[in-house]
Each structure stands twice: as structure tokens, then as C-alpha cells.
Protein backbone atom coordinates (compact mmCIF):
# COMPACT_ATOMS: atom_id res chain seq x y z
CA MET A 1 79.63 78.68 91.97
CA ASN A 2 80.75 79.18 95.47
CA GLN A 3 83.37 81.82 96.11
CA LEU A 4 86.91 80.75 96.32
CA TYR A 5 88.48 81.51 99.84
CA PRO A 6 92.12 80.82 101.51
CA LEU A 7 92.82 77.09 101.24
CA LYS A 8 94.76 74.72 103.50
CA PHE A 9 95.78 71.41 102.29
CA ARG A 10 96.44 68.22 104.38
CA PRO A 11 100.18 67.57 104.55
CA ILE A 12 101.95 64.75 102.45
CA TYR A 13 104.37 63.25 104.91
CA LYS A 14 107.63 61.53 103.51
CA SER A 15 109.69 59.36 105.68
CA ARG A 16 113.32 59.51 104.91
CA ILE A 17 116.77 57.91 105.96
CA TRP A 18 117.83 61.52 107.31
CA GLY A 19 114.33 62.41 108.91
CA GLY A 20 113.79 63.08 112.53
CA THR A 21 110.91 64.60 114.97
CA GLN A 22 111.31 68.36 114.36
CA LEU A 23 108.24 68.61 112.16
CA ARG A 24 106.21 67.19 114.75
CA ASP A 25 108.07 68.68 117.70
CA GLN A 26 108.30 72.21 116.33
CA LEU A 27 106.04 72.75 113.59
CA MET A 28 103.03 71.11 115.51
CA LYS A 29 102.64 68.19 113.11
CA THR A 30 101.51 65.77 115.58
CA ASP A 31 100.42 63.33 113.03
CA ALA A 32 103.91 63.27 111.56
CA PRO A 33 105.80 59.85 111.59
CA SER A 34 108.70 59.92 113.95
CA ASP A 35 111.31 59.56 110.80
CA CYS A 36 109.63 62.28 108.89
CA GLY A 37 112.30 64.43 106.63
CA GLU A 38 109.48 66.16 104.44
CA SER A 39 106.04 67.56 104.90
CA TRP A 40 104.79 68.56 101.40
CA GLU A 41 102.52 71.34 101.86
CA ILE A 42 101.30 72.22 98.29
CA SER A 43 102.20 69.92 95.66
CA SER A 44 101.01 69.34 92.14
CA VAL A 45 103.50 66.50 91.51
CA GLU A 46 102.04 63.20 89.90
CA ASP A 47 100.78 60.81 92.54
CA ASP A 48 101.30 63.45 95.18
CA VAL A 49 98.78 66.04 94.46
CA SER A 50 97.43 67.95 97.46
CA VAL A 51 93.96 67.79 98.92
CA VAL A 52 92.08 70.58 100.28
CA SER A 53 91.54 69.97 104.03
CA GLU A 54 88.75 72.82 105.10
CA GLY A 55 85.87 74.34 103.97
CA PHE A 56 83.28 73.38 101.28
CA LEU A 57 86.02 72.50 98.73
CA ALA A 58 87.46 69.83 101.31
CA ASP A 59 88.46 66.52 99.73
CA ASN A 60 89.20 68.15 96.27
CA GLU A 61 92.54 67.78 94.68
CA LEU A 62 94.65 70.96 93.75
CA ASN A 63 94.76 70.17 90.01
CA GLU A 64 91.04 69.55 90.14
CA LEU A 65 90.23 72.89 91.29
CA ILE A 66 92.44 74.62 88.93
CA GLU A 67 90.55 72.95 85.93
CA VAL A 68 87.43 74.44 87.52
CA TYR A 69 88.62 77.82 88.73
CA MET A 70 91.53 78.43 86.36
CA GLY A 71 92.60 82.05 86.44
CA ASP A 72 90.63 82.99 89.29
CA LEU A 73 92.66 80.57 91.49
CA VAL A 74 96.11 80.74 90.34
CA GLY A 75 95.98 83.99 87.74
CA ASP A 76 95.32 84.22 84.28
CA LYS A 77 99.05 84.08 83.06
CA VAL A 78 99.91 81.46 85.37
CA PHE A 79 97.21 79.16 84.02
CA GLU A 80 97.89 80.29 80.47
CA LYS A 81 101.29 78.94 81.03
CA PHE A 82 101.13 76.05 83.41
CA GLY A 83 97.42 74.94 82.82
CA ASN A 84 96.15 72.49 85.37
CA GLU A 85 99.67 71.76 87.04
CA PHE A 86 100.43 73.99 89.87
CA PRO A 87 103.81 75.47 89.27
CA LEU A 88 105.43 75.46 92.81
CA LEU A 89 106.19 72.68 95.44
CA VAL A 90 106.20 73.97 98.89
CA LYS A 91 107.65 71.81 101.75
CA PHE A 92 108.95 71.69 105.32
CA ILE A 93 112.10 69.84 105.70
CA ASP A 94 113.72 68.07 109.01
CA SER A 95 117.58 67.14 108.14
CA ASN A 96 118.14 65.23 111.17
CA ASP A 97 121.13 63.81 109.33
CA ASN A 98 122.97 64.98 106.45
CA LEU A 99 121.28 64.86 102.97
CA SER A 100 122.97 63.02 100.04
CA VAL A 101 125.28 65.50 97.81
CA GLN A 102 123.04 66.27 94.74
CA VAL A 103 122.15 68.32 92.01
CA HIS A 104 119.02 69.11 90.06
CA PRO A 105 118.86 69.56 86.30
CA HIS A 106 117.71 72.52 84.43
CA ASP A 107 114.46 73.08 82.58
CA LYS A 108 115.97 71.77 79.19
CA ILE A 109 117.60 68.52 80.52
CA ALA A 110 114.54 67.82 82.77
CA LEU A 111 112.32 68.16 79.79
CA GLU A 112 114.54 66.23 77.47
CA ARG A 113 114.98 63.31 79.94
CA HIS A 114 111.88 63.36 82.20
CA ASN A 115 109.21 65.58 80.21
CA ALA A 116 109.12 67.65 83.62
CA TYR A 117 110.28 70.81 84.70
CA GLY A 118 114.03 71.33 86.14
CA LYS A 119 114.26 72.30 89.89
CA THR A 120 115.60 75.84 91.19
CA GLU A 121 114.52 76.12 94.92
CA MET A 122 115.22 78.31 98.07
CA TRP A 123 115.66 77.49 101.76
CA TYR A 124 114.39 79.72 104.49
CA ILE A 125 116.20 78.46 107.77
CA ILE A 126 113.52 78.08 110.47
CA ASP A 127 115.88 76.48 113.05
CA ALA A 128 119.45 75.15 112.92
CA ALA A 129 121.93 73.33 115.35
CA PRO A 130 124.69 75.45 116.73
CA ASP A 131 127.33 73.79 114.29
CA ALA A 132 125.11 72.99 111.30
CA LYS A 133 126.79 73.48 107.85
CA ASN A 134 125.21 73.13 104.50
CA VAL A 135 126.97 72.03 101.27
CA THR A 136 126.22 74.74 98.93
CA GLY A 137 128.91 74.04 95.87
CA LEU A 138 132.20 72.96 94.60
CA ILE A 139 135.39 74.80 95.46
CA LYS A 140 136.28 77.37 92.84
CA GLY A 141 138.06 75.94 89.91
CA THR A 142 136.92 72.65 89.99
CA LYS A 143 136.81 70.65 86.87
CA PRO A 144 134.82 67.92 85.70
CA GLU A 145 137.72 65.53 85.70
CA ASP A 146 138.75 66.71 89.45
CA LEU A 147 135.36 65.70 90.40
CA ILE A 148 135.11 62.37 88.81
CA SER A 149 138.51 61.59 90.49
CA ARG A 150 137.32 62.45 93.80
CA LEU A 151 133.99 60.15 93.28
CA LYS A 152 136.36 57.29 92.45
CA ASN A 153 138.55 57.74 95.42
CA ASN A 154 135.93 58.46 97.74
CA THR A 155 137.07 62.19 98.70
CA LEU A 156 134.55 64.25 97.34
CA GLU A 157 133.83 65.89 100.63
CA GLU A 158 137.40 67.41 100.27
CA ILE A 159 136.16 69.79 97.37
CA LEU A 160 132.84 70.67 98.54
CA VAL A 161 131.73 74.26 99.92
CA TYR A 162 130.28 74.37 103.34
CA GLU A 163 128.35 77.44 104.50
CA THR A 164 127.39 77.87 108.36
CA VAL A 165 123.56 77.87 108.85
CA GLU A 166 121.57 79.95 111.29
CA ARG A 167 117.93 80.79 112.08
CA GLY A 168 116.63 83.37 109.28
CA ASP A 169 119.21 82.37 106.80
CA VAL A 170 118.19 82.11 103.26
CA PHE A 171 120.08 80.06 100.45
CA TYR A 172 119.31 80.17 96.69
CA ILE A 173 120.02 76.95 95.13
CA GLN A 174 119.94 77.06 91.29
CA SER A 175 119.50 74.15 89.05
CA GLY A 176 122.86 72.73 88.45
CA ARG A 177 124.56 73.76 91.65
CA VAL A 178 125.93 70.94 93.91
CA HIS A 179 124.65 70.92 97.14
CA ALA A 180 123.31 69.11 100.57
CA THR A 181 121.55 70.28 103.55
CA GLY A 182 123.61 69.29 106.38
CA LYS A 183 122.56 67.83 109.90
CA GLY A 184 120.27 69.65 112.26
CA VAL A 185 118.38 71.90 110.10
CA LEU A 186 114.77 72.79 110.07
CA PHE A 187 113.56 74.64 106.94
CA ALA A 188 111.06 75.84 104.46
CA GLU A 189 111.67 74.92 100.87
CA ILE A 190 109.95 76.55 97.98
CA GLN A 191 110.64 75.06 94.36
CA GLN A 192 109.51 74.44 90.92
CA THR A 193 107.30 71.51 90.71
CA SER A 194 109.55 68.88 90.14
CA ASP A 195 110.84 65.71 92.16
CA ILE A 196 113.96 65.07 90.06
CA THR A 197 117.15 64.42 92.15
CA TYR A 198 120.47 63.19 90.99
CA ARG A 199 122.65 61.87 93.90
CA LEU A 200 126.33 62.26 93.47
CA TYR A 201 127.46 60.90 97.07
CA ASP A 202 125.64 59.55 100.00
CA TYR A 203 128.46 59.22 102.63
CA ASN A 204 128.60 55.43 102.14
CA ARG A 205 125.61 54.92 104.41
CA LYS A 206 122.80 52.07 104.30
CA ASP A 207 119.16 51.93 104.75
CA ASN A 208 117.41 49.67 107.19
CA ASN A 209 117.68 46.68 104.70
CA GLY A 210 121.53 47.28 104.85
CA LYS A 211 121.40 48.48 101.28
CA LYS A 212 123.11 51.62 99.79
CA ARG A 213 120.72 54.33 98.25
CA GLU A 214 121.09 54.57 94.52
CA LEU A 215 123.54 57.29 92.99
CA HIS A 216 123.06 59.06 89.59
CA ILE A 217 126.40 59.99 88.81
CA GLU A 218 126.48 59.95 84.93
CA LEU A 219 123.28 61.98 85.24
CA ALA A 220 124.44 64.31 87.88
CA LEU A 221 127.92 65.21 86.02
CA GLU A 222 126.10 66.24 83.00
CA ALA A 223 123.50 68.58 85.17
CA ILE A 224 126.18 70.20 87.15
CA ASP A 225 126.81 73.89 86.37
CA TYR A 226 130.34 74.64 87.16
CA SER A 227 130.22 78.46 86.60
CA LEU A 228 128.14 78.57 89.92
CA GLU A 229 130.99 79.62 92.24
CA ASP A 230 129.34 82.20 94.03
CA SER A 231 127.74 82.07 97.57
CA ALA A 232 124.06 80.22 97.75
CA LYS A 233 123.65 82.26 101.00
CA ILE A 234 121.74 85.32 100.36
CA LYS A 235 122.19 88.61 102.66
CA VAL A 236 118.97 89.68 103.89
CA ASN A 237 118.00 92.68 106.36
CA THR A 238 114.46 92.42 107.58
CA LYS A 239 112.39 95.17 109.08
CA PRO A 240 109.26 94.60 110.90
CA ASN A 241 105.61 95.17 109.72
CA GLN A 242 106.62 95.37 106.12
CA PRO A 243 107.50 93.11 103.10
CA ASN A 244 111.06 92.19 102.94
CA ARG A 245 112.32 90.59 99.68
CA LEU A 246 114.16 87.63 99.98
CA ILE A 247 114.67 86.03 96.47
CA GLU A 248 113.32 87.24 93.01
CA CYS A 249 113.80 84.59 90.18
CA PRO A 250 111.97 83.70 87.04
CA TYR A 251 110.38 80.91 89.06
CA PHE A 252 109.10 82.57 92.06
CA THR A 253 109.33 85.73 94.42
CA VAL A 254 109.48 85.34 97.90
CA ASN A 255 109.18 88.09 100.87
CA LEU A 256 109.37 87.65 104.56
CA LEU A 257 106.37 89.60 106.45
CA ARG A 258 107.29 90.10 110.24
CA CYS A 259 104.05 91.41 111.63
CA GLY A 260 103.84 92.81 115.21
CA ARG A 261 100.78 94.64 114.36
CA PRO A 262 97.85 94.04 112.06
CA ALA A 263 99.26 94.77 108.29
CA GLU A 264 96.89 95.33 105.17
CA ILE A 265 98.36 94.08 101.91
CA ASP A 266 97.20 94.90 98.50
CA TYR A 267 97.25 92.15 95.83
CA ALA A 268 95.05 93.92 93.17
CA TYR A 269 97.79 94.57 91.04
CA LEU A 270 99.17 90.98 91.25
CA ASP A 271 98.14 88.15 88.46
CA SER A 272 99.07 85.46 90.44
CA PHE A 273 98.09 83.23 93.51
CA VAL A 274 99.84 83.76 96.77
CA ILE A 275 101.25 81.55 99.32
CA TYR A 276 101.56 82.27 102.96
CA ILE A 277 104.07 79.93 105.01
CA CYS A 278 104.21 80.44 108.70
CA THR A 279 107.52 79.99 110.05
CA SER A 280 106.74 81.49 113.83
CA GLY A 281 104.02 82.81 115.57
CA LYS A 282 100.29 82.65 114.71
CA CYS A 283 97.76 85.12 113.05
CA ASN A 284 94.36 85.43 111.60
CA ILE A 285 93.85 86.59 107.80
CA TYR A 286 90.68 88.49 106.52
CA CYS A 287 90.11 88.46 102.78
CA ASP A 288 88.50 91.69 101.08
CA ASP A 289 85.66 92.87 102.85
CA ASN A 290 84.71 89.28 104.37
CA LYS A 291 84.74 89.23 108.34
CA GLU A 292 85.51 85.61 108.34
CA ALA A 293 89.01 84.88 109.80
CA TYR A 294 91.28 82.27 108.41
CA SER A 295 93.80 80.88 111.21
CA LEU A 296 97.44 80.29 110.56
CA GLN A 297 100.08 79.27 112.69
CA ILE A 298 103.71 77.94 112.38
CA GLY A 299 104.06 74.86 110.37
CA GLU A 300 100.99 75.77 108.38
CA THR A 301 100.51 77.03 104.69
CA ILE A 302 97.72 78.47 103.06
CA LEU A 303 97.12 79.25 99.35
CA ILE A 304 95.47 82.45 98.75
CA PRO A 305 93.30 82.60 95.20
CA ALA A 306 94.61 85.22 92.75
CA LEU A 307 91.01 86.86 92.87
CA ILE A 308 91.34 88.17 96.45
CA ASN A 309 92.61 91.62 96.07
CA SER A 310 93.52 92.21 99.76
CA ILE A 311 94.54 90.65 102.80
CA ILE A 312 94.56 91.70 106.42
CA VAL A 313 97.15 89.83 108.51
CA GLU A 314 96.06 90.28 112.33
CA PRO A 315 98.55 88.69 114.74
CA ALA A 316 97.55 86.54 117.38
CA SER A 317 100.93 86.31 119.13
CA ASP A 318 103.68 88.98 119.73
CA GLU A 319 104.99 88.66 116.33
CA VAL A 320 104.09 86.38 113.30
CA SER A 321 106.68 85.68 110.77
CA ILE A 322 105.33 84.66 107.23
CA LEU A 323 106.96 83.87 103.78
CA GLU A 324 104.95 85.17 101.09
CA VAL A 325 105.33 83.45 97.74
CA PHE A 326 103.85 84.46 94.42
CA ILE A 327 104.86 84.51 90.65
CA ASP A 328 105.92 87.81 89.27
CA ASN A 329 104.66 87.50 85.66
CA GLU A 330 106.09 91.01 84.68
CA ARG A 331 109.58 88.88 84.77
CA GLU A 332 108.55 86.98 81.80
């Protein structure tokens, strides 16, 4: 069996009513459609499974590779828990207009209703318009009856929490939190493998056929966690040339690497795959003692198999910024 290597995948583009051109213009995805809202970078979602783009494993689907390589690809404990399904979904998103006000279910509800995982996610802001704001919850003290009344009276926007958005901001959106990305935000999203979204409100807008998008109010009302009253914005203070912890939760751990010089990273201790998401600049990646270079630039994502013990990140620009994503099995 040939040796595993860092894997790139073909982007899966999603046209959205709120999509724009920033994936193409800023993230170098020249083949993205003009109304592209999402680029699914690594996905195990049914009917949207990622396909390898380079190397001897090109044209193979991610789930097929997990079936063959098992723990060598994803980590023994990850494979034991998730089998052939990759546990995370990684996206780039361009919200050229406001996304719908929505909520995602937690694992228990998702399992009962959809035989699927829930959806906790995080956003890393790559760029944002000067006046951009995200919806990150309901105002403190909101009761279910208040929410229902506002929905009936079309005044929901008056009880939403809005937080300003700037480049480099991090938002942690737990399942059960009412949220919406605002207009003019370009970001990377890391989430559980799930495509379950309940729309509460969509600004009464219509699609190209003059129809309003479907809402899921009853499902959403049962999924909302009214105790999530704290800010969704995570305060981070990043330093160059070292891992900076952004998020640590049961579903994923995310660090930010800002490298202005070569950095060697040890993964021998880690029983998990690692994902690199490049948010600025470019670099070359070297694995273990292999002298072969794997290039990575802004807008690209690469999956590093669990059997790889060490990585050298060599910047090919003044500085390269990378989101480092893995599953910390010690949190189980």
C-alpha cells in the first residue's frame, strides 16, 4: 500500500441567494460561480462527499479512503467513534447579504429527528465590511412566548443581539444558539458533520422565482437554548510563530498559526488527523523526513493524515496564517 500524504480535495461550490464573488476574488477560487455562497472544502455529508484532487489517490472519495486507511488517516480513536464518516465539515463562506436567522439542533435532537449529528460550529473572519454585524443570540431574558409573539408581529429583529465583525474575529456558535452571519463577511467555518439548519426568519425576501424560502419555526423553537446569553465572540490574542488557541470544545480544537519563519510542529502525541486552512499568504509543507513539498495558499485546505508525526511549515510569503484543526481525544 502506498504511503499516505497530505490530501487536497476539490471544492464543492454552493450557489446561495446571499452569495457573492469573494470566494473567487479574494480566495483565488477562479472556478467558483458568481453567486457562490459556500465552498465545502472537506465534507463527509451524504451526496456531498469530498473527492481528492491530487496525487495517486486523486478521484477517490474521502469516505472510501477512511474505509481503507482507517486510523492511519483519521486517528484510531476517531475511527473507533465515527467509522467511515469524517467528523468535521470545513467551509469557506461569503455572505454578500444577510444569512437567515437560524438555529441548529444539538446531538440528541438531531439523532431523534434526522439520525444525524447536531451542529456546533465556529467562524474565523477572513475579511469584513466596515459596518458588518453578526447576529449571535437573543437579548437576555427572552422567553419562548416573547419569541413567538415577535415572529407573528414580524418584529424579531428588535430582540436579536448584534456583534460587530472585524478581520481576525472568532465566533463560537453552539448548537441551540440563534444566529446569522451579516452582510459583507468572508469567513472560514469549522463544524460538526451536519447539514441541519432550522430557519426562523429570512427578512421576508424572495428567491429568483419570487418565492420565499421555507422556514422551520416549530422545529427551531424546540431547538433553541435560551441559556446561551453570553457573547459568541471569543477574545483572542495571537502571537507570531507559535500555536494560538482559538477554540477548544468536545467536537474540535482550533489553533491559529502565524508563521513568518519556518516552524516545525510535532504531532507524534496526537491521535487525530490535522486540517490546515490557509487564511492568508502561502507556504510549503514538509512531512516527517520527506523532502517533497506540498504547497498551500490562501483559500486552500489540506488534510494531514494521523500517521504523519511532524510537519515543517515554510512560509513562501512574508507571513502565512493557517487554522490548525484536530480532535483532542483526551477531552472525551
